[in-house]
Amino acid sequence: MANLVIRPAEFAREIKVVMEERRLSTEDQPRALLDESLLATAFSAHPYKWPTIGWMQDLQNMTWKDAARRGTRTGTRRTTRPSSSSATSIRSR
C-alpha cells in the first residue's frame, strides 16, 4: 500500500457500500448486535472488542483523509478507530 491513492469521490462511493454491508450483516440482525455488544464488553481491554467492519458511527464520520492515513501505516490490523461515543453507545444498549 505504499503507493495507495484514495480519491474523495471513490471513497464516498465505497464507504456507502461498507455501511450497507454492515447494516445487512449486523444492524439488521438482532443476534449479530448481541454478539457485537458481548464482544465489546467481554474484551474491553483487548482489540477483539472492535468489530471487523467497524462501528457504524466511525464509518459515518470517516473521511477519505482518514483512509489515506490508515493506508500509509503498516503493521496494524484495525480498520477504524473507535470513537469514545461508540463505546458509550454499546454500554447504553
PDB file of N, CA and C in Angstrom:
ATOM      1  N   MET A   1       0.810  -1.191   0.000  1.00  0.00           N
ATOM      2  CA  MET A   1       0.000   0.000   0.000  1.00  0.00           C
ATOM      3  C   MET A   1       0.852   1.254   0.000  1.00  0.00           C
ATOM      4  N   ALA A   2       2.095   1.124  -0.321  1.00  0.00           N
ATOM      5  CA  ALA A   2       2.992   2.274  -0.314  1.00  0.00           C
ATOM      6  C   ALA A   2       2.566   3.337  -1.314  1.00  0.00           C
ATOM      7  N   ASN A   3       1.958   2.941  -2.411  1.00  0.00           N
ATOM      8  CA  ASN A   3       1.547   3.898  -3.439  1.00  0.00           C
ATOM      9  C   ASN A   3       0.030   4.057  -3.501  1.00  0.00           C
ATOM     10  N   LEU A   4      -0.614   3.881  -2.366  1.00  0.00           N
ATOM     11  CA  LEU A   4      -2.065   3.966  -2.296  1.00  0.00           C
ATOM     12  C   LEU A   4      -2.552   5.367  -2.639  1.00  0.00           C
ATOM     13  N   VAL A   5      -3.533   5.434  -3.526  1.00  0.00           N
ATOM     14  CA  VAL A   5      -4.167   6.704  -3.880  1.00  0.00           C
ATOM     15  C   VAL A   5      -5.653   6.548  -3.612  1.00  0.00           C
ATOM     16  N   ILE A   6      -6.181   7.394  -2.742  1.00  0.00           N
ATOM     17  CA  ILE A   6      -7.603   7.364  -2.431  1.00  0.00           C
ATOM     18  C   ILE A   6      -8.203   8.682  -2.887  1.00  0.00           C
ATOM     19  N   ARG A   7      -9.121   8.589  -3.817  1.00  0.00           N
ATOM     20  CA  ARG A   7      -9.787   9.779  -4.339  1.00  0.00           C
ATOM     21  C   ARG A   7     -11.081  10.007  -3.561  1.00  0.00           C
ATOM     22  N   PRO A   8     -11.399  11.244  -3.231  1.00  0.00           N
ATOM     23  CA  PRO A   8     -12.606  11.531  -2.443  1.00  0.00           C
ATOM     24  C   PRO A   8     -13.884  10.940  -3.032  1.00  0.00           C
ATOM     25  N   ALA A   9     -14.068  11.034  -4.330  1.00  0.00           N
ATOM     26  CA  ALA A   9     -15.293  10.508  -4.944  1.00  0.00           C
ATOM     27  C   ALA A   9     -15.381   8.987  -4.814  1.00  0.00           C
ATOM     28  N   GLU A  10     -14.269   8.302  -5.017  1.00  0.00           N
ATOM     29  CA  GLU A  10     -14.247   6.847  -4.877  1.00  0.00           C
ATOM     30  C   GLU A  10     -14.489   6.441  -3.428  1.00  0.00           C
ATOM     31  N   PHE A  11     -13.872   7.175  -2.522  1.00  0.00           N
ATOM     32  CA  PHE A  11     -14.048   6.868  -1.100  1.00  0.00           C
ATOM     33  C   PHE A  11     -15.511   7.024  -0.712  1.00  0.00           C
ATOM     34  N   ALA A  12     -16.147   8.108  -1.131  1.00  0.00           N
ATOM     35  CA  ALA A  12     -17.553   8.360  -0.786  1.00  0.00           C
ATOM     36  C   ALA A  12     -18.439   7.213  -1.270  1.00  0.00           C
ATOM     37  N   ARG A  13     -18.172   6.710  -2.452  1.00  0.00           N
ATOM     38  CA  ARG A  13     -18.953   5.603  -3.003  1.00  0.00           C
ATOM     39  C   ARG A  13     -18.687   4.315  -2.223  1.00  0.00           C
ATOM     40  N   GLU A  14     -17.436   4.021  -1.939  1.00  0.00           N
ATOM     41  CA  GLU A  14     -17.081   2.769  -1.268  1.00  0.00           C
ATOM     42  C   GLU A  14     -17.491   2.741   0.196  1.00  0.00           C
ATOM     43  N   ILE A  15     -17.420   3.875   0.877  1.00  0.00           N
ATOM     44  CA  ILE A  15     -17.811   3.878   2.294  1.00  0.00           C
ATOM     45  C   ILE A  15     -19.301   3.603   2.421  1.00  0.00           C
ATOM     46  N   LYS A  16     -20.087   4.025   1.448  1.00  0.00           N
ATOM     47  CA  LYS A  16     -21.518   3.711   1.452  1.00  0.00           C
ATOM     48  C   LYS A  16     -21.739   2.207   1.294  1.00  0.00           C
ATOM     49  N   VAL A  17     -20.924   1.565   0.476  1.00  0.00           N
ATOM     50  CA  VAL A  17     -21.012   0.112   0.301  1.00  0.00           C
ATOM     51  C   VAL A  17     -20.676  -0.587   1.615  1.00  0.00           C
ATOM     52  N   VAL A  18     -19.628  -0.142   2.285  1.00  0.00           N
ATOM     53  CA  VAL A  18     -19.230  -0.749   3.558  1.00  0.00           C
ATOM     54  C   VAL A  18     -20.326  -0.559   4.604  1.00  0.00           C
ATOM     55  N   MET A  19     -20.929   0.635   4.660  1.00  0.00           N
ATOM     56  CA  MET A  19     -22.009   0.870   5.622  1.00  0.00           C
ATOM     57  C   MET A  19     -23.211  -0.022   5.321  1.00  0.00           C
ATOM     58  N   GLU A  20     -23.520  -0.227   4.060  1.00  0.00           N
ATOM     59  CA  GLU A  20     -24.627  -1.111   3.703  1.00  0.00           C
ATOM     60  C   GLU A  20     -24.307  -2.556   4.077  1.00  0.00           C
ATOM     61  N   GLU A  21     -23.074  -2.981   3.882  1.00  0.00           N
ATOM     62  CA  GLU A  21     -22.672  -4.335   4.293  1.00  0.00           C
ATOM     63  C   GLU A  21     -22.831  -4.496   5.798  1.00  0.00           C
ATOM     64  N   ARG A  22     -22.458  -3.473   6.535  1.00  0.00           N
ATOM     65  CA  ARG A  22     -22.611  -3.533   7.992  1.00  0.00           C
ATOM     66  C   ARG A  22     -24.085  -3.603   8.377  1.00  0.00           C
ATOM     67  N   ARG A  23     -24.905  -2.794   7.713  1.00  0.00           N
ATOM     68  CA  ARG A  23     -26.348  -2.840   8.001  1.00  0.00           C
ATOM     69  C   ARG A  23     -26.907  -4.244   7.761  1.00  0.00           C
ATOM     70  N   LEU A  24     -26.534  -4.850   6.654  1.00  0.00           N
ATOM     71  CA  LEU A  24     -27.062  -6.171   6.322  1.00  0.00           C
ATOM     72  C   LEU A  24     -26.539  -7.265   7.251  1.00  0.00           C
ATOM     73  N   SER A  25     -25.273  -7.188   7.624  1.00  0.00           N
ATOM     74  CA  SER A  25     -24.676  -8.258   8.421  1.00  0.00           C
ATOM     75  C   SER A  25     -24.844  -8.071   9.926  1.00  0.00           C
ATOM     76  N   THR A  26     -25.000  -6.842  10.386  1.00  0.00           N
ATOM     77  CA  THR A  26     -25.029  -6.605  11.825  1.00  0.00           C
ATOM     78  C   THR A  26     -26.264  -5.834  12.281  1.00  0.00           C
ATOM     79  N   GLU A  27     -26.467  -4.674  11.729  1.00  0.00           N
ATOM     80  CA  GLU A  27     -27.525  -3.785  12.207  1.00  0.00           C
ATOM     81  C   GLU A  27     -28.917  -4.407  12.077  1.00  0.00           C
ATOM     82  N   ASP A  28     -29.152  -5.195  11.043  1.00  0.00           N
ATOM     83  CA  ASP A  28     -30.466  -5.792  10.812  1.00  0.00           C
ATOM     84  C   ASP A  28     -30.604  -7.186  11.431  1.00  0.00           C
ATOM     85  N   GLN A  29     -29.608  -7.614  12.170  1.00  0.00           N
ATOM     86  CA  GLN A  29     -29.601  -8.952  12.758  1.00  0.00           C
ATOM     87  C   GLN A  29     -29.492  -8.838  14.280  1.00  0.00           C
ATOM     88  N   PRO A  30     -30.577  -9.077  15.011  1.00  0.00           N
ATOM     89  CA  PRO A  30     -30.525  -8.951  16.477  1.00  0.00           C
ATOM     90  C   PRO A  30     -29.421  -9.792  17.115  1.00  0.00           C
ATOM     91  N   ARG A  31     -29.215 -11.005  16.618  1.00  0.00           N
ATOM     92  CA  ARG A  31     -28.177 -11.877  17.189  1.00  0.00           C
ATOM     93  C   ARG A  31     -26.785 -11.270  16.950  1.00  0.00           C
ATOM     94  N   ALA A  32     -26.574 -10.704  15.782  1.00  0.00           N
ATOM     95  CA  ALA A  32     -25.283 -10.089  15.480  1.00  0.00           C
ATOM     96  C   ALA A  32     -25.036  -8.878  16.378  1.00  0.00           C
ATOM     97  N   LEU A  33     -26.075  -8.097  16.634  1.00  0.00           N
ATOM     98  CA  LEU A  33     -25.933  -6.949  17.546  1.00  0.00           C
ATOM     99  C   LEU A  33     -25.592  -7.423  18.957  1.00  0.00           C
ATOM    100  N   LEU A  34     -26.232  -8.505  19.385  1.00  0.00           N
ATOM    101  CA  LEU A  34     -25.937  -9.071  20.700  1.00  0.00           C
ATOM    102  C   LEU A  34     -24.487  -9.550  20.770  1.00  0.00           C
ATOM    103  N   ASP A  35     -24.058 -10.279  19.752  1.00  0.00           N
ATOM    104  CA  ASP A  35     -22.672 -10.765  19.713  1.00  0.00           C
ATOM    105  C   ASP A  35     -21.680  -9.609  19.735  1.00  0.00           C
ATOM    106  N   GLU A  36     -21.974  -8.567  18.972  1.00  0.00           N
ATOM    107  CA  GLU A  36     -21.088  -7.408  18.923  1.00  0.00           C
ATOM    108  C   GLU A  36     -21.001  -6.728  20.288  1.00  0.00           C
ATOM    109  N   SER A  37     -22.145  -6.575  20.961  1.00  0.00           N
ATOM    110  CA  SER A  37     -22.161  -5.972  22.295  1.00  0.00           C
ATOM    111  C   SER A  37     -21.422  -6.840  23.301  1.00  0.00           C
ATOM    112  N   LEU A  38     -21.621  -8.147  23.184  1.00  0.00           N
ATOM    113  CA  LEU A  38     -20.936  -9.073  24.086  1.00  0.00           C
ATOM    114  C   LEU A  38     -19.421  -8.979  23.922  1.00  0.00           C
ATOM    115  N   LEU A  39     -18.947  -8.984  22.689  1.00  0.00           N
ATOM    116  CA  LEU A  39     -17.506  -8.888  22.448  1.00  0.00           C
ATOM    117  C   LEU A  39     -16.948  -7.556  22.930  1.00  0.00           C
ATOM    118  N   ALA A  40     -17.684  -6.473  22.700  1.00  0.00           N
ATOM    119  CA  ALA A  40     -17.219  -5.158  23.142  1.00  0.00           C
ATOM    120  C   ALA A  40     -17.105  -5.090  24.659  1.00  0.00           C
ATOM    121  N   THR A  41     -18.008  -5.788  25.344  1.00  0.00           N
ATOM    122  CA  THR A  41     -17.981  -5.793  26.809  1.00  0.00           C
ATOM    123  C   THR A  41     -16.938  -6.769  27.349  1.00  0.00           C
ATOM    124  N   ALA A  42     -16.941  -7.976  26.817  1.00  0.00           N
ATOM    125  CA  ALA A  42     -16.043  -9.018  27.320  1.00  0.00           C
ATOM    126  C   ALA A  42     -14.576  -8.704  27.065  1.00  0.00           C
ATOM    127  N   PHE A  43     -14.286  -8.041  25.973  1.00  0.00           N
ATOM    128  CA  PHE A  43     -12.901  -7.745  25.606  1.00  0.00           C
ATOM    129  C   PHE A  43     -12.630  -6.247  25.662  1.00  0.00           C
ATOM    130  N   SER A  44     -13.093  -5.605  26.712  1.00  0.00           N
ATOM    131  CA  SER A  44     -12.981  -4.144  26.794  1.00  0.00           C
ATOM    132  C   SER A  44     -11.535  -3.646  26.761  1.00  0.00           C
ATOM    133  N   ALA A  45     -10.580  -4.476  27.150  1.00  0.00           N
ATOM    134  CA  ALA A  45      -9.176  -4.060  27.139  1.00  0.00           C
ATOM    135  C   ALA A  45      -8.381  -4.790  26.059  1.00  0.00           C
ATOM    136  N   HIS A  46      -9.061  -5.299  25.046  1.00  0.00           N
ATOM    137  CA  HIS A  46      -8.402  -6.105  24.011  1.00  0.00           C
ATOM    138  C   HIS A  46      -8.924  -5.700  22.632  1.00  0.00           C
ATOM    139  N   PRO A  47      -8.104  -5.811  21.604  1.00  0.00           N
ATOM    140  CA  PRO A  47      -8.561  -5.446  20.254  1.00  0.00           C
ATOM    141  C   PRO A  47      -9.757  -6.245  19.740  1.00  0.00           C
ATOM    142  N   TYR A  48     -10.072  -7.394  20.335  1.00  0.00           N
ATOM    143  CA  TYR A  48     -11.235  -8.166  19.902  1.00  0.00           C
ATOM    144  C   TYR A  48     -12.533  -7.379  20.067  1.00  0.00           C
ATOM    145  N   LYS A  49     -12.494  -6.320  20.882  1.00  0.00           N
ATOM    146  CA  LYS A  49     -13.729  -5.564  21.115  1.00  0.00           C
ATOM    147  C   LYS A  49     -14.178  -4.791  19.877  1.00  0.00           C
ATOM    148  N   TRP A  50     -13.291  -4.577  18.912  1.00  0.00           N
ATOM    149  CA  TRP A  50     -13.638  -3.815  17.711  1.00  0.00           C
ATOM    150  C   TRP A  50     -14.176  -4.738  16.629  1.00  0.00           C
ATOM    151  N   PRO A  51     -15.356  -4.444  16.093  1.00  0.00           N
ATOM    152  CA  PRO A  51     -15.877  -5.278  15.006  1.00  0.00           C
ATOM    153  C   PRO A  51     -15.002  -5.171  13.762  1.00  0.00           C
ATOM    154  N   THR A  52     -14.913  -6.242  13.026  1.00  0.00           N
ATOM    155  CA  THR A  52     -14.055  -6.283  11.843  1.00  0.00           C
ATOM    156  C   THR A  52     -14.399  -5.184  10.850  1.00  0.00           C
ATOM    157  N   ILE A  53     -15.663  -4.979  10.608  1.00  0.00           N
ATOM    158  CA  ILE A  53     -16.081  -3.992   9.620  1.00  0.00           C
ATOM    159  C   ILE A  53     -16.103  -2.574  10.213  1.00  0.00           C
ATOM    160  N   GLY A  54     -16.021  -2.473  11.533  1.00  0.00           N
ATOM    161  CA  GLY A  54     -16.003  -1.168  12.194  1.00  0.00           C
ATOM    162  C   GLY A  54     -17.357  -0.808  12.773  1.00  0.00           C
ATOM    163  N   TRP A  55     -17.358   0.178  13.647  1.00  0.00           N
ATOM    164  CA  TRP A  55     -18.607   0.697  14.219  1.00  0.00           C
ATOM    165  C   TRP A  55     -19.260   1.616  13.198  1.00  0.00           C
ATOM    166  N   MET A  56     -20.571   1.586  13.121  1.00  0.00           N
ATOM    167  CA  MET A  56     -21.292   2.407  12.146  1.00  0.00           C
ATOM    168  C   MET A  56     -20.980   3.890  12.341  1.00  0.00           C
ATOM    169  N   GLN A  57     -20.943   4.342  13.559  1.00  0.00           N
ATOM    170  CA  GLN A  57     -20.668   5.762  13.813  1.00  0.00           C
ATOM    171  C   GLN A  57     -19.286   6.161  13.281  1.00  0.00           C
ATOM    172  N   ASP A  58     -18.324   5.291  13.421  1.00  0.00           N
ATOM    173  CA  ASP A  58     -16.991   5.582  12.898  1.00  0.00           C
ATOM    174  C   ASP A  58     -16.992   5.618  11.374  1.00  0.00           C
ATOM    175  N   LEU A  59     -17.728   4.691  10.769  1.00  0.00           N
ATOM    176  CA  LEU A  59     -17.820   4.686   9.309  1.00  0.00           C
ATOM    177  C   LEU A  59     -18.486   5.972   8.804  1.00  0.00           C
ATOM    178  N   GLN A  60     -19.514   6.417   9.503  1.00  0.00           N
ATOM    179  CA  GLN A  60     -20.215   7.633   9.101  1.00  0.00           C
ATOM    180  C   GLN A  60     -19.328   8.870   9.235  1.00  0.00           C
ATOM    181  N   ASN A  61     -18.436   8.852  10.186  1.00  0.00           N
ATOM    182  CA  ASN A  61     -17.578  10.013  10.434  1.00  0.00           C
ATOM    183  C   ASN A  61     -16.226   9.936   9.734  1.00  0.00           C
ATOM    184  N   MET A  62     -15.929   8.827   9.107  1.00  0.00           N
ATOM    185  CA  MET A  62     -14.637   8.645   8.452  1.00  0.00           C
ATOM    186  C   MET A  62     -14.555   9.462   7.164  1.00  0.00           C
ATOM    187  N   THR A  63     -13.398  10.045   6.923  1.00  0.00           N
ATOM    188  CA  THR A  63     -13.177  10.824   5.706  1.00  0.00           C
ATOM    189  C   THR A  63     -12.144  10.125   4.837  1.00  0.00           C
ATOM    190  N   TRP A  64     -12.028  10.565   3.623  1.00  0.00           N
ATOM    191  CA  TRP A  64     -11.036   9.965   2.731  1.00  0.00           C
ATOM    192  C   TRP A  64      -9.627  10.220   3.264  1.00  0.00           C
ATOM    193  N   LYS A  65      -9.437  11.318   3.986  1.00  0.00           N
ATOM    194  CA  LYS A  65      -8.116  11.589   4.566  1.00  0.00           C
ATOM    195  C   LYS A  65      -7.783  10.568   5.650  1.00  0.00           C
ATOM    196  N   ASP A  66      -8.792  10.174   6.434  1.00  0.00           N
ATOM    197  CA  ASP A  66      -8.578   9.135   7.447  1.00  0.00           C
ATOM    198  C   ASP A  66      -8.144   7.827   6.777  1.00  0.00           C
ATOM    199  N   ALA A  67      -8.825   7.486   5.686  1.00  0.00           N
ATOM    200  CA  ALA A  67      -8.493   6.247   4.969  1.00  0.00           C
ATOM    201  C   ALA A  67      -7.091   6.325   4.368  1.00  0.00           C
ATOM    202  N   ALA A  68      -6.730   7.477   3.856  1.00  0.00           N
ATOM    203  CA  ALA A  68      -5.397   7.638   3.278  1.00  0.00           C
ATOM    204  C   ALA A  68      -4.327   7.496   4.363  1.00  0.00           C
ATOM    205  N   ARG A  69      -4.575   8.082   5.532  1.00  0.00           N
ATOM    206  CA  ARG A  69      -3.626   7.939   6.650  1.00  0.00           C
ATOM    207  C   ARG A  69      -3.521   6.483   7.067  1.00  0.00           C
ATOM    208  N   ARG A  70      -4.632   5.780   7.120  1.00  0.00           N
ATOM    209  CA  ARG A  70      -4.641   4.374   7.512  1.00  0.00           C
ATOM    210  C   ARG A  70      -3.881   3.536   6.489  1.00  0.00           C
ATOM    211  N   GLY A  71      -4.015   3.894   5.223  1.00  0.00           N
ATOM    212  CA  GLY A  71      -3.353   3.140   4.172  1.00  0.00           C
ATOM    213  C   GLY A  71      -1.843   3.290   4.177  1.00  0.00           C
ATOM    214  N   THR A  72      -1.333   4.356   4.779  1.00  0.00           N
ATOM    215  CA  THR A  72       0.113   4.555   4.798  1.00  0.00           C
ATOM    216  C   THR A  72       0.763   3.930   6.023  1.00  0.00           C
ATOM    217  N   ARG A  73      -0.029   3.557   7.026  1.00  0.00           N
ATOM    218  CA  ARG A  73       0.527   2.884   8.202  1.00  0.00           C
ATOM    219  C   ARG A  73       0.684   1.409   7.903  1.00  0.00           C
ATOM    220  N   THR A  74       1.698   0.808   8.453  1.00  0.00           N
ATOM    221  CA  THR A  74       1.899  -0.632   8.275  1.00  0.00           C
ATOM    222  C   THR A  74       1.972  -1.292   9.633  1.00  0.00           C
ATOM    223  N   GLY A  75       1.676  -2.574   9.646  1.00  0.00           N
ATOM    224  CA  GLY A  75       1.788  -3.339  10.882  1.00  0.00           C
ATOM    225  C   GLY A  75       0.588  -3.221  11.791  1.00  0.00           C
ATOM    226  N   THR A  76      -0.493  -2.611  11.355  1.00  0.00           N
ATOM    227  CA  THR A  76      -1.691  -2.533  12.180  1.00  0.00           C
ATOM    228  C   THR A  76      -2.796  -3.323  11.521  1.00  0.00           C
ATOM    229  N   ARG A  77      -3.705  -3.828  12.331  1.00  0.00           N
ATOM    230  CA  ARG A  77      -4.772  -4.666  11.807  1.00  0.00           C
ATOM    231  C   ARG A  77      -6.127  -3.990  11.842  1.00  0.00           C
ATOM    232  N   ARG A  78      -6.296  -2.962  12.636  1.00  0.00           N
ATOM    233  CA  ARG A  78      -7.603  -2.336  12.757  1.00  0.00           C
ATOM    234  C   ARG A  78      -7.933  -1.512  11.527  1.00  0.00           C
ATOM    235  N   THR A  79      -9.221  -1.490  11.190  1.00  0.00           N
ATOM    236  CA  THR A  79      -9.644  -0.729  10.019  1.00  0.00           C
ATOM    237  C   THR A  79     -10.210   0.622  10.390  1.00  0.00           C
ATOM    238  N   THR A  80     -10.726   0.745  11.585  1.00  0.00           N
ATOM    239  CA  THR A  80     -11.267   2.031  12.019  1.00  0.00           C
ATOM    240  C   THR A  80     -10.836   2.296  13.440  1.00  0.00           C
ATOM    241  N   ARG A  81     -10.869   3.519  13.806  1.00  0.00           N
ATOM    242  CA  ARG A  81     -10.553   3.923  15.173  1.00  0.00           C
ATOM    243  C   ARG A  81     -11.848   4.138  15.928  1.00  0.00           C
ATOM    244  N   PRO A  82     -12.086   3.418  16.998  1.00  0.00           N
ATOM    245  CA  PRO A  82     -13.332   3.612  17.718  1.00  0.00           C
ATOM    246  C   PRO A  82     -13.363   4.978  18.393  1.00  0.00           C
ATOM    247  N   SER A  83     -14.473   5.634  18.305  1.00  0.00           N
ATOM    248  CA  SER A  83     -14.620   6.910  18.991  1.00  0.00           C
ATOM    249  C   SER A  83     -15.131   6.644  20.389  1.00  0.00           C
ATOM    250  N   SER A  84     -14.965   7.580  21.271  1.00  0.00           N
ATOM    251  CA  SER A  84     -15.426   7.390  22.640  1.00  0.00           C
ATOM    252  C   SER A  84     -16.939   7.233  22.674  1.00  0.00           C
ATOM    253  N   SER A  85     -17.638   7.869  21.755  1.00  0.00           N
ATOM    254  CA  SER A  85     -19.093   7.743  21.730  1.00  0.00           C
ATOM    255  C   SER A  85     -19.519   6.350  21.284  1.00  0.00           C
ATOM    256  N   SER A  86     -18.685   5.641  20.512  1.00  0.00           N
ATOM    257  CA  SER A  86     -19.023   4.279  20.106  1.00  0.00           C
ATOM    258  C   SER A  86     -19.081   3.368  21.320  1.00  0.00           C
ATOM    259  N   ALA A  87     -18.102   3.477  22.177  1.00  0.00           N
ATOM    260  CA  ALA A  87     -18.088   2.649  23.379  1.00  0.00           C
ATOM    261  C   ALA A  87     -19.265   2.997  24.276  1.00  0.00           C
ATOM    262  N   THR A  88     -19.603   4.264  24.360  1.00  0.00           N
ATOM    263  CA  THR A  88     -20.721   4.685  25.176  1.00  0.00           C
ATOM    264  C   THR A  88     -22.030   4.133  24.619  1.00  0.00           C
ATOM    265  N   SER A  89     -22.187   4.159  23.312  1.00  0.00           N
ATOM    266  CA  SER A  89     -23.432   3.692  22.719  1.00  0.00           C
ATOM    267  C   SER A  89     -23.627   2.188  22.950  1.00  0.00           C
ATOM    268  N   ILE A  90     -22.540   1.419  22.977  1.00  0.00           N
ATOM    269  CA  ILE A  90     -22.655  -0.017  23.243  1.00  0.00           C
ATOM    270  C   ILE A  90     -23.134  -0.242  24.670  1.00  0.00           C
ATOM    271  N   ARG A  91     -22.580   0.485  25.606  1.00  0.00           N
ATOM    272  CA  ARG A  91     -22.966   0.310  27.001  1.00  0.00           C
ATOM    273  C   ARG A  91     -24.416   0.718  27.259  1.00  0.00           C
ATOM    274  N   SER A  92     -24.916   1.658  26.470  1.00  0.00           N
ATOM    275  CA  SER A  92     -26.265   2.154  26.716  1.00  0.00           C
ATOM    276  C   SER A  92     -27.347   1.292  26.070  1.00  0.00           C
ATOM    277  N   ARG A  93     -26.956   0.306  25.282  1.00  0.00           N
ATOM    278  CA  ARG A  93     -27.964  -0.562  24.620  1.00  0.00           C
ATOM    279  C   ARG A  93     -28.595  -1.495  25.582  1.00  0.00           C
TER     280      ARG A  93
END
